[in-house]
Amino acid sequence: MYSHSPGAAPTLATAVNFSAFDVGITVGPWLGGLAIGGGLGYPSVAWIGMALAITTLATVTWAAALHRRARQVQKVSPVDRDMVELTV
């Protein structure tokens, strides 16, 4: 059984952060190589980079919105919190 240890959260956050960087460092050049190898030329690499940047920005915006919503639910009293969770 997994126990929730408050001290483990920073370690997990750091591990996820480094993993995300590693995925980006691997996937970006791989997609660029596929595009160049597929005959799309070097300008396609810039378009792929732009698409990845937009995807990343959308993901960060979505995560921030979820975090903000969770903080708003925590500020509500326990009885009201149950109602908010039921309606969301």
PDB file of N, CA and C in Angstrom:
ATOM      1  N   MET A   1       0.844  -1.179   0.000  1.00  0.00           N
ATOM      2  CA  MET A   1       0.000   0.000   0.000  1.00  0.00           C
ATOM      3  C   MET A   1       0.885   1.235   0.000  1.00  0.00           C
ATOM      4  N   TYR A   2       0.564   2.187  -0.790  1.00  0.00           N
ATOM      5  CA  TYR A   2       1.333   3.417  -0.896  1.00  0.00           C
ATOM      6  C   TYR A   2       0.856   4.401   0.157  1.00  0.00           C
ATOM      7  N   SER A   3       1.806   4.949   0.890  1.00  0.00           N
ATOM      8  CA  SER A   3       1.436   5.974   1.873  1.00  0.00           C
ATOM      9  C   SER A   3       1.832   7.332   1.317  1.00  0.00           C
ATOM     10  N   HIS A   4       0.986   8.310   1.553  1.00  0.00           N
ATOM     11  CA  HIS A   4       1.239   9.661   1.072  1.00  0.00           C
ATOM     12  C   HIS A   4       2.195  10.352   2.031  1.00  0.00           C
ATOM     13  N   SER A   5       3.407  10.529   1.594  1.00  0.00           N
ATOM     14  CA  SER A   5       4.418  11.185   2.409  1.00  0.00           C
ATOM     15  C   SER A   5       4.630  12.596   1.895  1.00  0.00           C
ATOM     16  N   PRO A   6       4.405  13.616   2.753  1.00  0.00           N
ATOM     17  CA  PRO A   6       4.595  14.991   2.300  1.00  0.00           C
ATOM     18  C   PRO A   6       6.013  15.275   1.827  1.00  0.00           C
ATOM     19  N   GLY A   7       6.990  14.586   2.377  1.00  0.00           N
ATOM     20  CA  GLY A   7       8.376  14.809   1.986  1.00  0.00           C
ATOM     21  C   GLY A   7       8.710  14.275   0.606  1.00  0.00           C
ATOM     22  N   ALA A   8       7.874  13.380   0.067  1.00  0.00           N
ATOM     23  CA  ALA A   8       8.155  12.772  -1.237  1.00  0.00           C
ATOM     24  C   ALA A   8       7.692  13.651  -2.390  1.00  0.00           C
ATOM     25  N   ALA A   9       6.824  14.607  -2.134  1.00  0.00           N
ATOM     26  CA  ALA A   9       6.277  15.425  -3.224  1.00  0.00           C
ATOM     27  C   ALA A   9       7.349  16.208  -3.982  1.00  0.00           C
ATOM     28  N   PRO A  10       8.287  16.886  -3.299  1.00  0.00           N
ATOM     29  CA  PRO A  10       9.315  17.609  -4.063  1.00  0.00           C
ATOM     30  C   PRO A  10      10.172  16.675  -4.919  1.00  0.00           C
ATOM     31  N   THR A  11      10.449  15.486  -4.421  1.00  0.00           N
ATOM     32  CA  THR A  11      11.243  14.528  -5.183  1.00  0.00           C
ATOM     33  C   THR A  11      10.477  14.072  -6.418  1.00  0.00           C
ATOM     34  N   LEU A  12       9.199  13.796  -6.261  1.00  0.00           N
ATOM     35  CA  LEU A  12       8.379  13.385  -7.388  1.00  0.00           C
ATOM     36  C   LEU A  12       8.259  14.509  -8.409  1.00  0.00           C
ATOM     37  N   ALA A  13       8.047  15.723  -7.949  1.00  0.00           N
ATOM     38  CA  ALA A  13       7.936  16.866  -8.857  1.00  0.00           C
ATOM     39  C   ALA A  13       9.228  17.055  -9.648  1.00  0.00           C
ATOM     40  N   THR A  14      10.352  16.913  -8.997  1.00  0.00           N
ATOM     41  CA  THR A  14      11.638  17.046  -9.676  1.00  0.00           C
ATOM     42  C   THR A  14      11.821  15.941 -10.710  1.00  0.00           C
ATOM     43  N   ALA A  15      11.451  14.718 -10.350  1.00  0.00           N
ATOM     44  CA  ALA A  15      11.581  13.595 -11.285  1.00  0.00           C
ATOM     45  C   ALA A  15      10.702  13.792 -12.512  1.00  0.00           C
ATOM     46  N   VAL A  16       9.465  14.255 -12.303  1.00  0.00           N
ATOM     47  CA  VAL A  16       8.559  14.489 -13.430  1.00  0.00           C
ATOM     48  C   VAL A  16       9.094  15.616 -14.310  1.00  0.00           C
ATOM     49  N   ASN A  17       9.636  16.652 -13.681  1.00  0.00           N
ATOM     50  CA  ASN A  17      10.185  17.781 -14.430  1.00  0.00           C
ATOM     51  C   ASN A  17      11.347  17.330 -15.321  1.00  0.00           C
ATOM     52  N   PHE A  18      12.279  16.580 -14.762  1.00  0.00           N
ATOM     53  CA  PHE A  18      13.411  16.093 -15.554  1.00  0.00           C
ATOM     54  C   PHE A  18      12.952  15.131 -16.646  1.00  0.00           C
ATOM     55  N   SER A  19      11.951  14.322 -16.343  1.00  0.00           N
ATOM     56  CA  SER A  19      11.436  13.389 -17.349  1.00  0.00           C
ATOM     57  C   SER A  19      10.812  14.150 -18.514  1.00  0.00           C
ATOM     58  N   ALA A  20      10.092  15.223 -18.213  1.00  0.00           N
ATOM     59  CA  ALA A  20       9.479  16.026 -19.278  1.00  0.00           C
ATOM     60  C   ALA A  20      10.554  16.645 -20.173  1.00  0.00           C
ATOM     61  N   PHE A  21      11.627  17.144 -19.565  1.00  0.00           N
ATOM     62  CA  PHE A  21      12.726  17.687 -20.360  1.00  0.00           C
ATOM     63  C   PHE A  21      13.336  16.602 -21.241  1.00  0.00           C
ATOM     64  N   ASP A  22      13.541  15.412 -20.682  1.00  0.00           N
ATOM     65  CA  ASP A  22      14.128  14.318 -21.449  1.00  0.00           C
ATOM     66  C   ASP A  22      13.243  13.921 -22.626  1.00  0.00           C
ATOM     67  N   VAL A  23      11.936  13.897 -22.400  1.00  0.00           N
ATOM     68  CA  VAL A  23      11.019  13.569 -23.494  1.00  0.00           C
ATOM     69  C   VAL A  23      11.112  14.628 -24.589  1.00  0.00           C
ATOM     70  N   GLY A  24      11.134  15.902 -24.189  1.00  0.00           N
ATOM     71  CA  GLY A  24      11.244  16.980 -25.173  1.00  0.00           C
ATOM     72  C   GLY A  24      12.545  16.936 -25.950  1.00  0.00           C
ATOM     73  N   ILE A  25      13.629  16.631 -25.256  1.00  0.00           N
ATOM     74  CA  ILE A  25      14.938  16.561 -25.903  1.00  0.00           C
ATOM     75  C   ILE A  25      14.994  15.397 -26.893  1.00  0.00           C
ATOM     76  N   THR A  26      14.207  14.361 -26.636  1.00  0.00           N
ATOM     77  CA  THR A  26      14.197  13.192 -27.510  1.00  0.00           C
ATOM     78  C   THR A  26      13.192  13.333 -28.652  1.00  0.00           C
ATOM     79  N   VAL A  27      11.992  13.775 -28.345  1.00  0.00           N
ATOM     80  CA  VAL A  27      10.915  13.801 -29.338  1.00  0.00           C
ATOM     81  C   VAL A  27      11.133  14.894 -30.390  1.00  0.00           C
ATOM     82  N   GLY A  28      11.605  16.063 -29.985  1.00  0.00           N
ATOM     83  CA  GLY A  28      11.810  17.159 -30.937  1.00  0.00           C
ATOM     84  C   GLY A  28      12.725  16.788 -32.086  1.00  0.00           C
ATOM     85  N   PRO A  29      13.952  16.378 -31.810  1.00  0.00           N
ATOM     86  CA  PRO A  29      14.840  15.985 -32.914  1.00  0.00           C
ATOM     87  C   PRO A  29      14.347  14.774 -33.696  1.00  0.00           C
ATOM     88  N   TRP A  30      13.674  13.851 -33.005  1.00  0.00           N
ATOM     89  CA  TRP A  30      13.152  12.676 -33.693  1.00  0.00           C
ATOM     90  C   TRP A  30      12.110  13.086 -34.728  1.00  0.00           C
ATOM     91  N   LEU A  31      11.175  13.971 -34.327  1.00  0.00           N
ATOM     92  CA  LEU A  31      10.163  14.448 -35.276  1.00  0.00           C
ATOM     93  C   LEU A  31      10.802  15.245 -36.417  1.00  0.00           C
ATOM     94  N   GLY A  32      11.797  16.069 -36.089  1.00  0.00           N
ATOM     95  CA  GLY A  32      12.504  16.809 -37.127  1.00  0.00           C
ATOM     96  C   GLY A  32      13.191  15.887 -38.105  1.00  0.00           C
ATOM     97  N   GLY A  33      13.818  14.846 -37.597  1.00  0.00           N
ATOM     98  CA  GLY A  33      14.476  13.870 -38.463  1.00  0.00           C
ATOM     99  C   GLY A  33      13.494  13.128 -39.353  1.00  0.00           C
ATOM    100  N   LEU A  34      12.330  12.803 -38.777  1.00  0.00           N
ATOM    101  CA  LEU A  34      11.303  12.151 -39.598  1.00  0.00           C
ATOM    102  C   LEU A  34      10.830  13.067 -40.722  1.00  0.00           C
ATOM    103  N   ALA A  35      10.669  14.341 -40.422  1.00  0.00           N
ATOM    104  CA  ALA A  35      10.207  15.293 -41.438  1.00  0.00           C
ATOM    105  C   ALA A  35      11.238  15.459 -42.547  1.00  0.00           C
ATOM    106  N   ILE A  36      12.493  15.626 -42.146  1.00  0.00           N
ATOM    107  CA  ILE A  36      13.556  15.783 -43.154  1.00  0.00           C
ATOM    108  C   ILE A  36      13.699  14.495 -43.963  1.00  0.00           C
ATOM    109  N   GLY A  37      13.688  13.351 -43.275  1.00  0.00           N
ATOM    110  CA  GLY A  37      13.787  12.066 -43.966  1.00  0.00           C
ATOM    111  C   GLY A  37      12.599  11.794 -44.878  1.00  0.00           C
ATOM    112  N   GLY A  38      11.446  12.372 -44.537  1.00  0.00           N
ATOM    113  CA  GLY A  38      10.255  12.189 -45.360  1.00  0.00           C
ATOM    114  C   GLY A  38      10.190  13.118 -46.552  1.00  0.00           C
ATOM    115  N   GLY A  39      11.232  13.952 -46.715  1.00  0.00           N
ATOM    116  CA  GLY A  39      11.299  14.816 -47.878  1.00  0.00           C
ATOM    117  C   GLY A  39      10.625  16.168 -47.708  1.00  0.00           C
ATOM    118  N   LEU A  40      10.291  16.553 -46.482  1.00  0.00           N
ATOM    119  CA  LEU A  40       9.632  17.839 -46.259  1.00  0.00           C
ATOM    120  C   LEU A  40      10.607  19.005 -46.192  1.00  0.00           C
ATOM    121  N   GLY A  41      11.880  18.719 -46.092  1.00  0.00           N
ATOM    122  CA  GLY A  41      12.896  19.769 -46.099  1.00  0.00           C
ATOM    123  C   GLY A  41      13.133  20.395 -44.731  1.00  0.00           C
ATOM    124  N   TYR A  42      14.160  21.230 -44.700  1.00  0.00           N
ATOM    125  CA  TYR A  42      14.555  21.857 -43.437  1.00  0.00           C
ATOM    126  C   TYR A  42      13.536  22.850 -42.875  1.00  0.00           C
ATOM    127  N   PRO A  43      12.788  23.576 -43.695  1.00  0.00           N
ATOM    128  CA  PRO A  43      11.787  24.497 -43.117  1.00  0.00           C
ATOM    129  C   PRO A  43      10.721  23.778 -42.285  1.00  0.00           C
ATOM    130  N   SER A  44      10.489  22.505 -42.552  1.00  0.00           N
ATOM    131  CA  SER A  44       9.486  21.765 -41.787  1.00  0.00           C
ATOM    132  C   SER A  44       9.876  21.641 -40.318  1.00  0.00           C
ATOM    133  N   VAL A  45      11.174  21.679 -40.046  1.00  0.00           N
ATOM    134  CA  VAL A  45      11.641  21.575 -38.664  1.00  0.00           C
ATOM    135  C   VAL A  45      11.139  22.769 -37.842  1.00  0.00           C
ATOM    136  N   ALA A  46      11.125  23.951 -38.452  1.00  0.00           N
ATOM    137  CA  ALA A  46      10.612  25.140 -37.758  1.00  0.00           C
ATOM    138  C   ALA A  46       9.125  24.994 -37.470  1.00  0.00           C
ATOM    139  N   TRP A  47       8.363  24.443 -38.403  1.00  0.00           N
ATOM    140  CA  TRP A  47       6.929  24.247 -38.184  1.00  0.00           C
ATOM    141  C   TRP A  47       6.674  23.222 -37.086  1.00  0.00           C
ATOM    142  N   ILE A  48       7.480  22.194 -37.065  1.00  0.00           N
ATOM    143  CA  ILE A  48       7.350  21.190 -36.002  1.00  0.00           C
ATOM    144  C   ILE A  48       7.673  21.810 -34.653  1.00  0.00           C
ATOM    145  N   GLY A  49       8.733  22.616 -34.602  1.00  0.00           N
ATOM    146  CA  GLY A  49       9.087  23.304 -33.360  1.00  0.00           C
ATOM    147  C   GLY A  49       7.971  24.215 -32.881  1.00  0.00           C
ATOM    148  N   MET A  50       7.335  24.922 -33.825  1.00  0.00           N
ATOM    149  CA  MET A  50       6.227  25.801 -33.465  1.00  0.00           C
ATOM    150  C   MET A  50       5.040  24.989 -32.938  1.00  0.00           C
ATOM    151  N   ALA A  51       4.743  23.872 -33.568  1.00  0.00           N
ATOM    152  CA  ALA A  51       3.637  23.023 -33.115  1.00  0.00           C
ATOM    153  C   ALA A  51       3.905  22.474 -31.720  1.00  0.00           C
ATOM    154  N   LEU A  52       5.143  22.073 -31.470  1.00  0.00           N
ATOM    155  CA  LEU A  52       5.492  21.567 -30.137  1.00  0.00           C
ATOM    156  C   LEU A  52       5.408  22.680 -29.094  1.00  0.00           C
ATOM    157  N   ALA A  53       5.827  23.880 -29.456  1.00  0.00           N
ATOM    158  CA  ALA A  53       5.751  25.011 -28.520  1.00  0.00           C
ATOM    159  C   ALA A  53       4.306  25.353 -28.182  1.00  0.00           C
ATOM    160  N   ILE A  54       3.438  25.351 -29.182  1.00  0.00           N
ATOM    161  CA  ILE A  54       2.017  25.638 -28.942  1.00  0.00           C
ATOM    162  C   ILE A  54       1.393  24.547 -28.071  1.00  0.00           C
ATOM    163  N   THR A  55       1.741  23.298 -28.345  1.00  0.00           N
ATOM    164  CA  THR A  55       1.232  22.189 -27.532  1.00  0.00           C
ATOM    165  C   THR A  55       1.697  22.319 -26.087  1.00  0.00           C
ATOM    166  N   THR A  56       2.951  22.684 -25.899  1.00  0.00           N
ATOM    167  CA  THR A  56       3.481  22.864 -24.554  1.00  0.00           C
ATOM    168  C   THR A  56       2.786  24.014 -23.845  1.00  0.00           C
ATOM    169  N   LEU A  57       2.603  25.118 -24.517  1.00  0.00           N
ATOM    170  CA  LEU A  57       1.916  26.264 -23.925  1.00  0.00           C
ATOM    171  C   LEU A  57       0.482  25.913 -23.543  1.00  0.00           C
ATOM    172  N   ALA A  58      -0.208  25.171 -24.387  1.00  0.00           N
ATOM    173  CA  ALA A  58      -1.577  24.756 -24.081  1.00  0.00           C
ATOM    174  C   ALA A  58      -1.605  23.841 -22.857  1.00  0.00           C
ATOM    175  N   THR A  59      -0.644  22.941 -22.764  1.00  0.00           N
ATOM    176  CA  THR A  59      -0.578  22.028 -21.619  1.00  0.00           C
ATOM    177  C   THR A  59      -0.313  22.787 -20.325  1.00  0.00           C
ATOM    178  N   VAL A  60       0.603  23.735 -20.350  1.00  0.00           N
ATOM    179  CA  VAL A  60       0.917  24.524 -19.154  1.00  0.00           C
ATOM    180  C   VAL A  60      -0.281  25.381 -18.746  1.00  0.00           C
ATOM    181  N   THR A  61      -0.974  25.956 -19.727  1.00  0.00           N
ATOM    182  CA  THR A  61      -2.160  26.764 -19.436  1.00  0.00           C
ATOM    183  C   THR A  61      -3.252  25.904 -18.812  1.00  0.00           C
ATOM    184  N   TRP A  62      -3.451  24.714 -19.347  1.00  0.00           N
ATOM    185  CA  TRP A  62      -4.455  23.791 -18.813  1.00  0.00           C
ATOM    186  C   TRP A  62      -4.107  23.381 -17.383  1.00  0.00           C
ATOM    187  N   ALA A  63      -2.831  23.056 -17.126  1.00  0.00           N
ATOM    188  CA  ALA A  63      -2.405  22.668 -15.782  1.00  0.00           C
ATOM    189  C   ALA A  63      -2.590  23.816 -14.791  1.00  0.00           C
ATOM    190  N   ALA A  64      -2.291  25.035 -15.209  1.00  0.00           N
ATOM    191  CA  ALA A  64      -2.478  26.198 -14.335  1.00  0.00           C
ATOM    192  C   ALA A  64      -3.955  26.405 -14.015  1.00  0.00           C
ATOM    193  N   ALA A  65      -4.820  26.206 -15.002  1.00  0.00           N
ATOM    194  CA  ALA A  65      -6.259  26.356 -14.769  1.00  0.00           C
ATOM    195  C   ALA A  65      -6.762  25.295 -13.796  1.00  0.00           C
ATOM    196  N   LEU A  66      -6.293  24.065 -13.945  1.00  0.00           N
ATOM    197  CA  LEU A  66      -6.683  23.005 -13.013  1.00  0.00           C
ATOM    198  C   LEU A  66      -6.188  23.306 -11.600  1.00  0.00           C
ATOM    199  N   HIS A  67      -4.978  23.810 -11.491  1.00  0.00           N
ATOM    200  CA  HIS A  67      -4.422  24.152 -10.177  1.00  0.00           C
ATOM    201  C   HIS A  67      -5.218  25.281  -9.533  1.00  0.00           C
ATOM    202  N   ARG A  68      -5.551  26.288 -10.311  1.00  0.00           N
ATOM    203  CA  ARG A  68      -6.321  27.426  -9.800  1.00  0.00           C
ATOM    204  C   ARG A  68      -7.705  26.958  -9.342  1.00  0.00           C
ATOM    205  N   ARG A  69      -8.329  26.065 -10.106  1.00  0.00           N
ATOM    206  CA  ARG A  69      -9.646  25.548  -9.744  1.00  0.00           C
ATOM    207  C   ARG A  69      -9.583  24.719  -8.459  1.00  0.00           C
ATOM    208  N   ALA A  70      -8.532  23.928  -8.307  1.00  0.00           N
ATOM    209  CA  ALA A  70      -8.385  23.125  -7.089  1.00  0.00           C
ATOM    210  C   ALA A  70      -8.198  24.016  -5.876  1.00  0.00           C
ATOM    211  N   ARG A  71      -7.458  25.102  -6.023  1.00  0.00           N
ATOM    212  CA  ARG A  71      -7.262  26.029  -4.899  1.00  0.00           C
ATOM    213  C   ARG A  71      -8.565  26.716  -4.524  1.00  0.00           C
ATOM    214  N   GLN A  72      -9.398  27.024  -5.513  1.00  0.00           N
ATOM    215  CA  GLN A  72     -10.681  27.656  -5.224  1.00  0.00           C
ATOM    216  C   GLN A  72     -11.595  26.707  -4.470  1.00  0.00           C
ATOM    217  N   VAL A  73     -11.564  25.423  -4.815  1.00  0.00           N
ATOM    218  CA  VAL A  73     -12.389  24.433  -4.127  1.00  0.00           C
ATOM    219  C   VAL A  73     -11.912  24.269  -2.690  1.00  0.00           C
ATOM    220  N   GLN A  74     -10.617  24.342  -2.446  1.00  0.00           N
ATOM    221  CA  GLN A  74     -10.083  24.190  -1.096  1.00  0.00           C
ATOM    222  C   GLN A  74     -10.466  25.351  -0.191  1.00  0.00           C
ATOM    223  N   LYS A  75     -10.696  26.533  -0.762  1.00  0.00           N
ATOM    224  CA  LYS A  75     -11.038  27.704   0.035  1.00  0.00           C
ATOM    225  C   LYS A  75     -12.482  27.652   0.538  1.00  0.00           C
ATOM    226  N   VAL A  76     -13.306  26.822  -0.073  1.00  0.00           N
ATOM    227  CA  VAL A  76     -14.715  26.739   0.278  1.00  0.00           C
ATOM    228  C   VAL A  76     -14.874  25.845   1.505  1.00  0.00           C
ATOM    229  N   SER A  77     -15.910  26.068   2.289  1.00  0.00           N
ATOM    230  CA  SER A  77     -16.155  25.242   3.469  1.00  0.00           C
ATOM    231  C   SER A  77     -16.406  23.798   3.053  1.00  0.00           C
ATOM    232  N   PRO A  78     -16.204  22.824   3.960  1.00  0.00           N
ATOM    233  CA  PRO A  78     -16.348  21.408   3.589  1.00  0.00           C
ATOM    234  C   PRO A  78     -17.724  21.064   3.020  1.00  0.00           C
ATOM    235  N   VAL A  79     -18.791  21.632   3.562  1.00  0.00           N
ATOM    236  CA  VAL A  79     -20.131  21.333   3.055  1.00  0.00           C
ATOM    237  C   VAL A  79     -20.281  21.882   1.643  1.00  0.00           C
ATOM    238  N   ASP A  80     -19.860  23.122   1.437  1.00  0.00           N
ATOM    239  CA  ASP A  80     -19.944  23.715   0.103  1.00  0.00           C
ATOM    240  C   ASP A  80     -19.016  23.015  -0.875  1.00  0.00           C
ATOM    241  N   ARG A  81     -17.881  22.509  -0.391  1.00  0.00           N
ATOM    242  CA  ARG A  81     -16.922  21.811  -1.249  1.00  0.00           C
ATOM    243  C   ARG A  81     -17.572  20.586  -1.870  1.00  0.00           C
ATOM    244  N   ASP A  82     -18.353  19.849  -1.084  1.00  0.00           N
ATOM    245  CA  ASP A  82     -19.030  18.678  -1.619  1.00  0.00           C
ATOM    246  C   ASP A  82     -19.994  19.061  -2.732  1.00  0.00           C
ATOM    247  N   MET A  83     -20.675  20.164  -2.570  1.00  0.00           N
ATOM    248  CA  MET A  83     -21.598  20.632  -3.599  1.00  0.00           C
ATOM    249  C   MET A  83     -20.846  21.051  -4.855  1.00  0.00           C
ATOM    250  N   VAL A  84     -19.716  21.725  -4.683  1.00  0.00           N
ATOM    251  CA  VAL A  84     -18.918  22.161  -5.838  1.00  0.00           C
ATOM    252  C   VAL A  84     -18.414  20.948  -6.602  1.00  0.00           C
ATOM    253  N   GLU A  85     -17.934  19.923  -5.876  1.00  0.00           N
ATOM    254  CA  GLU A  85     -17.402  18.739  -6.532  1.00  0.00           C
ATOM    255  C   GLU A  85     -18.508  17.972  -7.246  1.00  0.00           C
ATOM    256  N   LEU A  86     -19.721  17.999  -6.723  1.00  0.00           N
ATOM    257  CA  LEU A  86     -20.822  17.317  -7.370  1.00  0.00           C
ATOM    258  C   LEU A  86     -21.251  18.008  -8.656  1.00  0.00           C
ATOM    259  N   THR A  87     -21.141  19.324  -8.688  1.00  0.00           N
ATOM    260  CA  THR A  87     -21.590  20.066  -9.860  1.00  0.00           C
ATOM    261  C   THR A  87     -20.525  20.191 -10.931  1.00  0.00           C
ATOM    262  N   VAL A  88     -19.275  19.919 -10.605  1.00  0.00           N
ATOM    263  CA  VAL A  88     -18.186  20.077 -11.567  1.00  0.00           C
ATOM    264  C   VAL A  88     -17.957  18.825 -12.334  1.00  0.00           C
TER     265      VAL A  88
END
